N, C-alpha and C. Protein backbone atom coordinates (compact mmCIF):
# COMPACT_ATOMS: atom_id res chain seq x y z
N UNK A 1 -37.98 -44.36 -8.98
CA UNK A 1 -36.95 -43.34 -8.89
C UNK A 1 -36.50 -43.28 -7.43
N UNK A 2 -35.21 -43.24 -7.24
CA UNK A 2 -34.68 -43.20 -5.87
C UNK A 2 -34.69 -41.77 -5.34
N UNK A 3 -34.52 -41.65 -4.05
CA UNK A 3 -34.53 -40.34 -3.40
C UNK A 3 -33.38 -39.48 -3.91
N UNK A 4 -32.21 -40.07 -4.14
CA UNK A 4 -31.05 -39.33 -4.63
C UNK A 4 -31.31 -38.74 -6.00
N UNK A 5 -31.94 -39.49 -6.89
CA UNK A 5 -32.24 -39.01 -8.24
C UNK A 5 -33.27 -37.89 -8.20
N UNK A 6 -34.23 -38.00 -7.32
CA UNK A 6 -35.25 -36.95 -7.19
C UNK A 6 -34.63 -35.67 -6.66
N UNK A 7 -33.69 -35.79 -5.73
CA UNK A 7 -33.00 -34.61 -5.20
C UNK A 7 -32.19 -33.92 -6.29
N UNK A 8 -31.48 -34.70 -7.09
CA UNK A 8 -30.69 -34.13 -8.18
C UNK A 8 -31.61 -33.42 -9.17
N UNK A 9 -32.74 -34.03 -9.48
CA UNK A 9 -33.69 -33.43 -10.40
C UNK A 9 -34.26 -32.13 -9.83
N UNK A 10 -34.57 -32.11 -8.55
CA UNK A 10 -35.11 -30.90 -7.91
C UNK A 10 -34.06 -29.79 -7.91
N UNK A 11 -32.81 -30.12 -7.57
CA UNK A 11 -31.75 -29.11 -7.56
C UNK A 11 -31.45 -28.60 -8.96
N UNK A 12 -31.52 -29.45 -9.94
CA UNK A 12 -31.30 -29.04 -11.33
C UNK A 12 -32.40 -28.07 -11.77
N UNK A 13 -33.64 -28.38 -11.41
CA UNK A 13 -34.76 -27.49 -11.75
C UNK A 13 -34.63 -26.15 -11.06
N UNK A 14 -34.22 -26.16 -9.79
CA UNK A 14 -34.06 -24.91 -9.04
C UNK A 14 -32.92 -24.07 -9.63
N UNK A 15 -31.81 -24.72 -9.96
CA UNK A 15 -30.67 -24.01 -10.55
C UNK A 15 -31.04 -23.41 -11.90
N UNK A 16 -31.80 -24.15 -12.70
CA UNK A 16 -32.23 -23.65 -14.01
C UNK A 16 -33.12 -22.43 -13.84
N UNK A 17 -34.01 -22.46 -12.86
CA UNK A 17 -34.89 -21.30 -12.61
C UNK A 17 -34.09 -20.08 -12.17
N UNK A 18 -33.09 -20.28 -11.33
CA UNK A 18 -32.26 -19.17 -10.88
C UNK A 18 -31.48 -18.57 -12.05
N UNK A 19 -30.90 -19.42 -12.89
CA UNK A 19 -30.14 -18.93 -14.05
C UNK A 19 -31.06 -18.17 -15.00
N UNK A 20 -32.26 -18.68 -15.24
CA UNK A 20 -33.21 -17.98 -16.12
C UNK A 20 -33.61 -16.63 -15.52
N UNK A 21 -33.83 -16.58 -14.22
CA UNK A 21 -34.18 -15.31 -13.57
C UNK A 21 -33.06 -14.30 -13.65
N UNK A 22 -31.83 -14.75 -13.41
CA UNK A 22 -30.67 -13.85 -13.51
C UNK A 22 -30.46 -13.36 -14.95
N UNK A 23 -30.74 -14.21 -15.90
CA UNK A 23 -30.63 -13.81 -17.30
C UNK A 23 -31.63 -12.70 -17.64
N UNK A 24 -32.87 -12.84 -17.17
CA UNK A 24 -33.87 -11.80 -17.40
C UNK A 24 -33.49 -10.51 -16.69
N UNK A 25 -32.97 -10.63 -15.48
CA UNK A 25 -32.53 -9.45 -14.74
C UNK A 25 -31.41 -8.74 -15.49
N UNK A 26 -30.47 -9.50 -16.01
CA UNK A 26 -29.37 -8.92 -16.79
C UNK A 26 -29.87 -8.23 -18.04
N UNK A 27 -30.83 -8.82 -18.71
CA UNK A 27 -31.41 -8.21 -19.90
C UNK A 27 -32.05 -6.87 -19.56
N UNK A 28 -32.76 -6.82 -18.46
CA UNK A 28 -33.40 -5.57 -18.04
C UNK A 28 -32.40 -4.50 -17.66
N UNK A 29 -31.35 -4.89 -16.97
CA UNK A 29 -30.33 -3.92 -16.54
C UNK A 29 -29.59 -3.35 -17.76
N UNK A 30 -29.25 -4.22 -18.70
CA UNK A 30 -28.56 -3.76 -19.91
C UNK A 30 -29.46 -2.84 -20.72
N UNK A 31 -30.73 -3.19 -20.87
CA UNK A 31 -31.66 -2.34 -21.63
C UNK A 31 -31.83 -0.99 -20.96
N UNK A 32 -31.91 -0.95 -19.63
CA UNK A 32 -32.06 0.32 -18.92
C UNK A 32 -30.82 1.18 -19.10
N UNK A 33 -29.66 0.55 -19.08
CA UNK A 33 -28.41 1.29 -19.28
C UNK A 33 -28.33 1.86 -20.70
N UNK A 34 -28.73 1.06 -21.69
CA UNK A 34 -28.75 1.54 -23.08
C UNK A 34 -29.72 2.70 -23.25
N UNK A 35 -30.88 2.61 -22.59
CA UNK A 35 -31.87 3.69 -22.68
C UNK A 35 -31.32 4.97 -22.05
N UNK A 36 -30.68 4.86 -20.89
CA UNK A 36 -30.13 6.04 -20.22
C UNK A 36 -29.04 6.70 -21.07
N UNK A 37 -28.19 5.88 -21.67
CA UNK A 37 -27.12 6.42 -22.53
C UNK A 37 -27.71 7.11 -23.74
N UNK A 38 -28.68 6.47 -24.39
CA UNK A 38 -29.31 7.07 -25.58
C UNK A 38 -30.02 8.37 -25.22
N UNK A 39 -30.68 8.41 -24.07
CA UNK A 39 -31.38 9.63 -23.65
C UNK A 39 -30.39 10.76 -23.39
N UNK A 40 -29.30 10.45 -22.71
CA UNK A 40 -28.29 11.48 -22.44
C UNK A 40 -27.70 12.03 -23.73
N UNK A 41 -27.33 11.13 -24.63
CA UNK A 41 -26.73 11.58 -25.90
C UNK A 41 -27.72 12.38 -26.75
N UNK A 42 -28.98 11.95 -26.76
CA UNK A 42 -29.99 12.66 -27.55
C UNK A 42 -30.25 14.05 -26.99
N UNK A 43 -30.33 14.18 -25.67
CA UNK A 43 -30.57 15.50 -25.09
C UNK A 43 -29.37 16.41 -25.29
N UNK A 44 -28.17 15.87 -25.18
CA UNK A 44 -26.97 16.68 -25.44
C UNK A 44 -26.91 17.15 -26.88
N UNK A 45 -27.25 16.26 -27.81
CA UNK A 45 -27.24 16.65 -29.22
C UNK A 45 -28.30 17.72 -29.49
N UNK A 46 -29.48 17.56 -28.89
CA UNK A 46 -30.53 18.57 -29.05
C UNK A 46 -30.12 19.91 -28.47
N UNK A 47 -29.50 19.90 -27.29
CA UNK A 47 -29.04 21.14 -26.67
C UNK A 47 -27.94 21.79 -27.49
N UNK A 48 -27.08 20.98 -28.07
CA UNK A 48 -26.03 21.52 -28.94
C UNK A 48 -26.65 22.18 -30.17
N UNK A 49 -27.71 21.56 -30.70
CA UNK A 49 -28.40 22.13 -31.85
C UNK A 49 -29.03 23.48 -31.48
N UNK A 50 -29.59 23.58 -30.28
CA UNK A 50 -30.15 24.86 -29.82
C UNK A 50 -29.05 25.91 -29.72
N UNK A 51 -27.91 25.50 -29.19
CA UNK A 51 -26.79 26.44 -28.99
C UNK A 51 -26.27 27.02 -30.30
N UNK A 52 -26.37 26.26 -31.40
CA UNK A 52 -25.89 26.77 -32.69
C UNK A 52 -27.05 27.28 -33.55
N UNK A 53 -28.20 27.50 -32.91
CA UNK A 53 -29.39 28.06 -33.57
C UNK A 53 -29.93 27.17 -34.68
N UNK A 54 -29.84 25.86 -34.49
CA UNK A 54 -30.45 24.91 -35.43
C UNK A 54 -31.96 25.00 -35.24
N UNK A 55 -32.70 25.01 -36.32
CA UNK A 55 -34.14 25.22 -36.25
C UNK A 55 -34.94 24.08 -35.67
N UNK A 56 -34.39 22.86 -35.67
CA UNK A 56 -35.16 21.69 -35.23
C UNK A 56 -34.32 20.78 -34.33
N UNK A 57 -34.12 21.17 -33.09
CA UNK A 57 -33.28 20.36 -32.20
C UNK A 57 -33.85 18.97 -31.91
N UNK A 58 -35.18 18.83 -31.95
CA UNK A 58 -35.77 17.52 -31.68
C UNK A 58 -35.51 16.53 -32.81
N UNK A 59 -35.36 17.02 -34.03
CA UNK A 59 -34.99 16.13 -35.13
C UNK A 59 -33.57 15.61 -34.93
N UNK A 60 -32.69 16.48 -34.46
CA UNK A 60 -31.32 16.07 -34.17
C UNK A 60 -31.32 15.04 -33.04
N UNK A 61 -32.10 15.30 -31.99
CA UNK A 61 -32.19 14.37 -30.87
C UNK A 61 -32.75 13.02 -31.32
N UNK A 62 -33.73 13.03 -32.20
CA UNK A 62 -34.32 11.80 -32.72
C UNK A 62 -33.28 10.99 -33.49
N UNK A 63 -32.51 11.65 -34.33
CA UNK A 63 -31.48 10.96 -35.12
C UNK A 63 -30.45 10.31 -34.21
N UNK A 64 -30.04 11.01 -33.17
CA UNK A 64 -29.05 10.46 -32.24
C UNK A 64 -29.65 9.28 -31.46
N UNK A 65 -30.89 9.38 -31.05
CA UNK A 65 -31.54 8.28 -30.34
C UNK A 65 -31.61 7.04 -31.21
N UNK A 66 -32.00 7.20 -32.46
CA UNK A 66 -32.10 6.06 -33.38
C UNK A 66 -30.73 5.44 -33.61
N UNK A 67 -29.71 6.26 -33.76
CA UNK A 67 -28.34 5.73 -33.96
C UNK A 67 -27.85 4.95 -32.75
N UNK A 68 -28.46 5.19 -31.61
CA UNK A 68 -28.08 4.48 -30.39
C UNK A 68 -29.08 3.38 -30.02
N UNK A 69 -29.88 2.97 -30.97
CA UNK A 69 -30.79 1.85 -30.77
C UNK A 69 -32.02 2.15 -29.94
N UNK A 70 -32.40 3.42 -29.88
CA UNK A 70 -33.56 3.80 -29.07
C UNK A 70 -34.61 4.47 -29.96
N UNK A 71 -35.78 4.62 -29.40
CA UNK A 71 -36.89 5.30 -30.08
C UNK A 71 -37.22 6.53 -29.25
N UNK A 72 -37.23 7.70 -29.90
CA UNK A 72 -37.55 8.94 -29.21
C UNK A 72 -39.06 8.98 -28.98
N UNK A 73 -39.46 9.04 -27.73
CA UNK A 73 -40.88 9.06 -27.36
C UNK A 73 -41.37 10.50 -27.19
N UNK A 74 -40.54 11.33 -26.58
CA UNK A 74 -40.92 12.71 -26.30
C UNK A 74 -39.70 13.60 -26.40
N UNK A 75 -39.88 14.76 -27.01
CA UNK A 75 -38.81 15.75 -27.07
C UNK A 75 -39.46 17.12 -26.90
N UNK A 76 -38.88 17.91 -26.02
CA UNK A 76 -39.43 19.23 -25.75
C UNK A 76 -38.29 20.21 -25.54
N UNK A 77 -38.41 21.37 -26.18
CA UNK A 77 -37.43 22.43 -25.96
C UNK A 77 -38.05 23.44 -25.00
N UNK A 78 -37.34 23.69 -23.90
CA UNK A 78 -37.77 24.71 -22.94
C UNK A 78 -36.65 25.74 -22.85
N UNK A 79 -36.87 26.84 -23.51
CA UNK A 79 -35.86 27.89 -23.63
C UNK A 79 -34.58 27.29 -24.20
N UNK A 80 -33.50 27.21 -23.40
CA UNK A 80 -32.22 26.69 -23.89
C UNK A 80 -32.04 25.21 -23.58
N UNK A 81 -32.97 24.60 -22.87
CA UNK A 81 -32.87 23.19 -22.49
C UNK A 81 -33.65 22.30 -23.46
N UNK A 82 -33.18 21.07 -23.59
CA UNK A 82 -33.89 20.07 -24.38
C UNK A 82 -34.15 18.88 -23.46
N UNK A 83 -35.41 18.49 -23.37
CA UNK A 83 -35.82 17.35 -22.54
C UNK A 83 -36.27 16.23 -23.47
N UNK A 84 -35.77 15.02 -23.23
CA UNK A 84 -36.15 13.88 -24.08
C UNK A 84 -36.54 12.69 -23.22
N UNK A 85 -37.37 11.84 -23.80
CA UNK A 85 -37.68 10.53 -23.25
C UNK A 85 -37.49 9.53 -24.38
N UNK A 86 -36.72 8.48 -24.11
CA UNK A 86 -36.48 7.45 -25.12
C UNK A 86 -36.89 6.09 -24.57
N UNK A 87 -37.01 5.15 -25.49
CA UNK A 87 -37.41 3.79 -25.14
C UNK A 87 -36.51 2.82 -25.91
N UNK A 88 -36.09 1.75 -25.24
CA UNK A 88 -35.25 0.71 -25.85
C UNK A 88 -35.96 -0.63 -25.68
N UNK A 89 -35.97 -1.42 -26.73
CA UNK A 89 -36.59 -2.74 -26.69
C UNK A 89 -35.80 -3.63 -25.72
N UNK A 90 -36.51 -4.33 -24.85
CA UNK A 90 -35.88 -5.22 -23.88
C UNK A 90 -36.51 -6.60 -23.92
N UNK A 91 -36.88 -7.07 -25.10
CA UNK A 91 -37.58 -8.36 -25.23
C UNK A 91 -36.84 -9.43 -24.47
N UNK A 92 -37.54 -10.26 -23.77
CA UNK A 92 -38.98 -10.46 -23.64
C UNK A 92 -39.62 -9.58 -22.56
N UNK A 93 -38.85 -8.70 -21.96
CA UNK A 93 -39.38 -7.80 -20.93
C UNK A 93 -40.03 -6.58 -21.59
N UNK A 94 -40.77 -5.79 -20.81
CA UNK A 94 -41.29 -4.53 -21.35
C UNK A 94 -40.13 -3.59 -21.73
N UNK A 95 -40.40 -2.68 -22.62
CA UNK A 95 -39.36 -1.74 -23.07
C UNK A 95 -38.83 -0.92 -21.89
N UNK A 96 -37.54 -0.60 -21.96
CA UNK A 96 -36.90 0.23 -20.93
C UNK A 96 -36.95 1.67 -21.40
N UNK A 97 -37.32 2.57 -20.52
CA UNK A 97 -37.41 3.99 -20.87
C UNK A 97 -36.47 4.80 -19.99
N UNK A 98 -36.03 5.95 -20.52
CA UNK A 98 -35.19 6.85 -19.75
C UNK A 98 -35.46 8.28 -20.20
N UNK A 99 -35.24 9.21 -19.27
CA UNK A 99 -35.42 10.63 -19.56
C UNK A 99 -34.12 11.36 -19.31
N UNK A 100 -33.93 12.47 -20.03
CA UNK A 100 -32.73 13.27 -19.83
C UNK A 100 -33.02 14.72 -20.19
N UNK A 101 -32.25 15.63 -19.58
CA UNK A 101 -32.35 17.05 -19.87
C UNK A 101 -30.94 17.57 -20.05
N UNK A 102 -30.75 18.40 -21.06
CA UNK A 102 -29.45 19.02 -21.28
C UNK A 102 -29.64 20.46 -21.72
N UNK A 103 -28.69 21.26 -21.36
CA UNK A 103 -28.71 22.67 -21.72
C UNK A 103 -27.55 23.36 -21.05
N UNK A 104 -27.36 24.62 -21.33
CA UNK A 104 -26.23 25.32 -20.71
C UNK A 104 -26.47 25.54 -19.22
N UNK A 105 -25.37 25.65 -18.50
CA UNK A 105 -25.47 25.97 -17.08
C UNK A 105 -25.88 27.43 -16.92
N UNK A 106 -26.32 27.83 -15.73
CA UNK A 106 -26.79 29.21 -15.53
C UNK A 106 -25.77 30.28 -15.92
N UNK A 107 -24.50 30.01 -15.70
CA UNK A 107 -23.46 31.01 -16.04
C UNK A 107 -23.17 31.07 -17.53
N UNK A 108 -23.65 30.07 -18.27
CA UNK A 108 -23.34 29.99 -19.70
C UNK A 108 -24.44 30.55 -20.59
N UNK A 109 -25.54 31.01 -20.03
CA UNK A 109 -26.62 31.54 -20.84
C UNK A 109 -26.20 32.84 -21.52
N UNK A 110 -26.65 33.02 -22.75
CA UNK A 110 -26.28 34.25 -23.48
C UNK A 110 -26.93 35.49 -22.88
C-alpha cells in the first residue's frame, strides 16, 4: 500500500468518526428538545386542569406527555402549580429528561 492510499484511508476513517459523532450529538439535542416541549405542554395541561377544578391534573399531564412521545416520570401538584418530569427515548443514547412547572402568576391567584 502506498503512502497516498494510507493517507486517504486515514482521512476517510477520521471523517466517518466525525460524522458518526455529530449524528449522535444531533440525536441527543433533538431528544432533549422533544423532552422539554413535552414537559412544558404536560405541565401547562395539568395547570389548566387545576384551574378548572379537574380532580386529577396528573392524569391530564400524563395523557399530554404520552401524546407528545414522552413518558411521565413524576407529577406533583403544589397548590395551584403542577410540576412534571418527563423522559424521551434517545436510542442509542440514554433517555433525555426534562422538568417543567406551570401555574397561575401571583396576580392571577383566586
